[in-house]
Amino acid sequence: MCRAVSDRPESPARRRWIRVALRGVAAGLTAGVIARTAAQEKLSQREADYQDSPKDIRMCATCSLFVPPRSCKVVDGEVSPDGWCKLFVLAD
């Protein structure tokens, strides 16, 4: 007898697979936004959800998109080294 997918019990392996898949989607979306801005113009600070303060330990100064002293490769306008946006990519 076949059971519907919704009738199947959730296994830890399935939940783990879903989390990994969602992370991949999120990374792909971020890469897509970065590629779009590289091909076109920079995003506004509002579009990037930019804020002048860090988020946890993440900040512009440690982002690979930051251009010292106060610029960004993908966000328009002046940005603070202590700022943060949703496009944050930790520098190597």
C-alpha atoms as a PDB file:
ATOM      1  CA  MET A   1       0.000   0.000   0.000  1.00  0.00           C
ATOM      2  CA  CYS A   2       1.358   3.431  -0.910  1.00  0.00           C
ATOM      3  CA  ARG A   3       1.340   6.210   1.628  1.00  0.00           C
ATOM      4  CA  ALA A   4       1.363   9.894   0.778  1.00  0.00           C
ATOM      5  CA  VAL A   5       4.588  11.785   1.428  1.00  0.00           C
ATOM      6  CA  SER A   6       2.830  13.766   4.163  1.00  0.00           C
ATOM      7  CA  ASP A   7       1.969  10.482   5.947  1.00  0.00           C
ATOM      8  CA  ARG A   8       5.603   9.420   6.238  1.00  0.00           C
ATOM      9  CA  PRO A   9       7.349  10.047   9.541  1.00  0.00           C
ATOM     10  CA  GLU A  10      10.087  12.662   9.416  1.00  0.00           C
ATOM     11  CA  SER A  11      13.495  11.021   9.702  1.00  0.00           C
ATOM     12  CA  PRO A  12      16.600  12.839  10.979  1.00  0.00           C
ATOM     13  CA  ALA A  13      18.361  12.101   7.681  1.00  0.00           C
ATOM     14  CA  ARG A  14      15.516  13.676   5.688  1.00  0.00           C
ATOM     15  CA  ARG A  15      15.477  16.780   7.884  1.00  0.00           C
ATOM     16  CA  ARG A  16      19.267  17.084   7.510  1.00  0.00           C
ATOM     17  CA  TRP A  17      18.962  16.765   3.717  1.00  0.00           C
ATOM     18  CA  ILE A  18      16.293  19.488   3.661  1.00  0.00           C
ATOM     19  CA  ARG A  19      18.504  21.836   5.727  1.00  0.00           C
ATOM     20  CA  VAL A  20      21.463  21.275   3.373  1.00  0.00           C
ATOM     21  CA  ALA A  21      19.246  21.840   0.326  1.00  0.00           C
ATOM     22  CA  LEU A  22      17.864  25.081   1.765  1.00  0.00           C
ATOM     23  CA  ARG A  23      21.377  26.356   2.501  1.00  0.00           C
ATOM     24  CA  GLY A  24      22.295  25.661  -1.122  1.00  0.00           C
ATOM     25  CA  VAL A  25      19.271  27.592  -2.347  1.00  0.00           C
ATOM     26  CA  ALA A  26      20.136  30.540  -0.092  1.00  0.00           C
ATOM     27  CA  ALA A  27      23.744  30.549  -1.312  1.00  0.00           C
ATOM     28  CA  GLY A  28      22.540  30.406  -4.918  1.00  0.00           C
ATOM     29  CA  LEU A  29      20.205  33.337  -4.391  1.00  0.00           C
ATOM     30  CA  THR A  30      22.994  35.419  -2.835  1.00  0.00           C
ATOM     31  CA  ALA A  31      25.333  34.536  -5.716  1.00  0.00           C
ATOM     32  CA  GLY A  32      22.584  35.507  -8.164  1.00  0.00           C
ATOM     33  CA  VAL A  33      22.145  38.916  -6.549  1.00  0.00           C
ATOM     34  CA  ILE A  34      25.895  39.501  -6.592  1.00  0.00           C
ATOM     35  CA  ALA A  35      26.120  38.466 -10.260  1.00  0.00           C
ATOM     36  CA  ARG A  36      23.185  40.720 -11.123  1.00  0.00           C
ATOM     37  CA  THR A  37      24.816  43.704  -9.450  1.00  0.00           C
ATOM     38  CA  ALA A  38      28.143  43.002 -11.145  1.00  0.00           C
ATOM     39  CA  ALA A  39      26.430  42.984 -14.534  1.00  0.00           C
ATOM     40  CA  GLN A  40      24.281  46.030 -13.786  1.00  0.00           C
ATOM     41  CA  GLU A  41      24.462  48.648 -11.093  1.00  0.00           C
ATOM     42  CA  LYS A  42      24.955  48.405  -7.367  1.00  0.00           C
ATOM     43  CA  LEU A  43      22.079  47.681  -5.009  1.00  0.00           C
ATOM     44  CA  SER A  44      20.765  50.495  -2.875  1.00  0.00           C
ATOM     45  CA  GLN A  45      21.478  50.263   0.830  1.00  0.00           C
ATOM     46  CA  ARG A  46      17.782  49.619   1.386  1.00  0.00           C
ATOM     47  CA  GLU A  47      17.714  46.710  -1.104  1.00  0.00           C
ATOM     48  CA  ALA A  48      20.731  45.173   0.650  1.00  0.00           C
ATOM     49  CA  ASP A  49      19.165  45.689   4.111  1.00  0.00           C
ATOM     50  CA  TYR A  50      22.293  47.644   5.054  1.00  0.00           C
ATOM     51  CA  GLN A  51      22.717  48.794   8.648  1.00  0.00           C
ATOM     52  CA  ASP A  52      25.511  50.903  10.209  1.00  0.00           C
ATOM     53  CA  SER A  53      26.134  48.382  12.988  1.00  0.00           C
ATOM     54  CA  PRO A  54      27.479  44.813  12.856  1.00  0.00           C
ATOM     55  CA  LYS A  55      25.283  41.717  13.057  1.00  0.00           C
ATOM     56  CA  ASP A  56      26.814  39.435  15.656  1.00  0.00           C
ATOM     57  CA  ILE A  57      30.465  39.192  14.581  1.00  0.00           C
ATOM     58  CA  ARG A  58      29.700  39.926  10.917  1.00  0.00           C
ATOM     59  CA  MET A  59      30.658  43.364   9.611  1.00  0.00           C
ATOM     60  CA  CYS A  60      31.693  45.032   6.380  1.00  0.00           C
ATOM     61  CA  ALA A  61      35.370  45.165   7.380  1.00  0.00           C
ATOM     62  CA  THR A  62      35.478  41.325   7.352  1.00  0.00           C
ATOM     63  CA  CYS A  63      33.422  40.931   4.157  1.00  0.00           C
ATOM     64  CA  SER A  64      35.072  40.008   0.848  1.00  0.00           C
ATOM     65  CA  LEU A  65      32.900  42.619  -0.912  1.00  0.00           C
ATOM     66  CA  PHE A  66      34.188  45.524   1.226  1.00  0.00           C
ATOM     67  CA  VAL A  67      36.464  48.084  -0.451  1.00  0.00           C
ATOM     68  CA  PRO A  68      38.391  50.150   2.126  1.00  0.00           C
ATOM     69  CA  PRO A  69      38.023  52.726   3.425  1.00  0.00           C
ATOM     70  CA  ARG A  70      34.193  53.053   3.120  1.00  0.00           C
ATOM     71  CA  SER A  71      32.894  51.387  -0.052  1.00  0.00           C
ATOM     72  CA  CYS A  72      31.398  48.102  -1.259  1.00  0.00           C
ATOM     73  CA  LYS A  73      31.545  46.217  -4.559  1.00  0.00           C
ATOM     74  CA  VAL A  74      27.781  45.619  -4.630  1.00  0.00           C
ATOM     75  CA  VAL A  75      26.125  48.197  -2.309  1.00  0.00           C
ATOM     76  CA  ASP A  76      25.831  51.809  -3.429  1.00  0.00           C
ATOM     77  CA  GLY A  77      27.018  54.713  -1.322  1.00  0.00           C
ATOM     78  CA  GLU A  78      29.338  55.025   1.622  1.00  0.00           C
ATOM     79  CA  VAL A  79      29.350  52.072   4.033  1.00  0.00           C
ATOM     80  CA  SER A  80      30.823  51.836   7.500  1.00  0.00           C
ATOM     81  CA  PRO A  81      33.508  49.208   8.173  1.00  0.00           C
ATOM     82  CA  ASP A  82      31.353  48.353  11.216  1.00  0.00           C
ATOM     83  CA  GLY A  83      28.180  48.033   9.086  1.00  0.00           C
ATOM     84  CA  TRP A  84      26.489  44.890   7.763  1.00  0.00           C
ATOM     85  CA  CYS A  85      24.094  43.800   4.985  1.00  0.00           C
ATOM     86  CA  LYS A  86      22.390  40.582   3.865  1.00  0.00           C
ATOM     87  CA  LEU A  87      25.027  40.039   1.154  1.00  0.00           C
ATOM     88  CA  PHE A  88      27.819  39.519   3.705  1.00  0.00           C
ATOM     89  CA  VAL A  89      30.475  37.041   2.530  1.00  0.00           C
ATOM     90  CA  LEU A  90      33.252  36.262   5.005  1.00  0.00           C
ATOM     91  CA  ALA A  91      36.660  37.148   3.553  1.00  0.00           C
ATOM     92  CA  ASP A  92      39.336  34.440   3.425  1.00  0.00           C
END
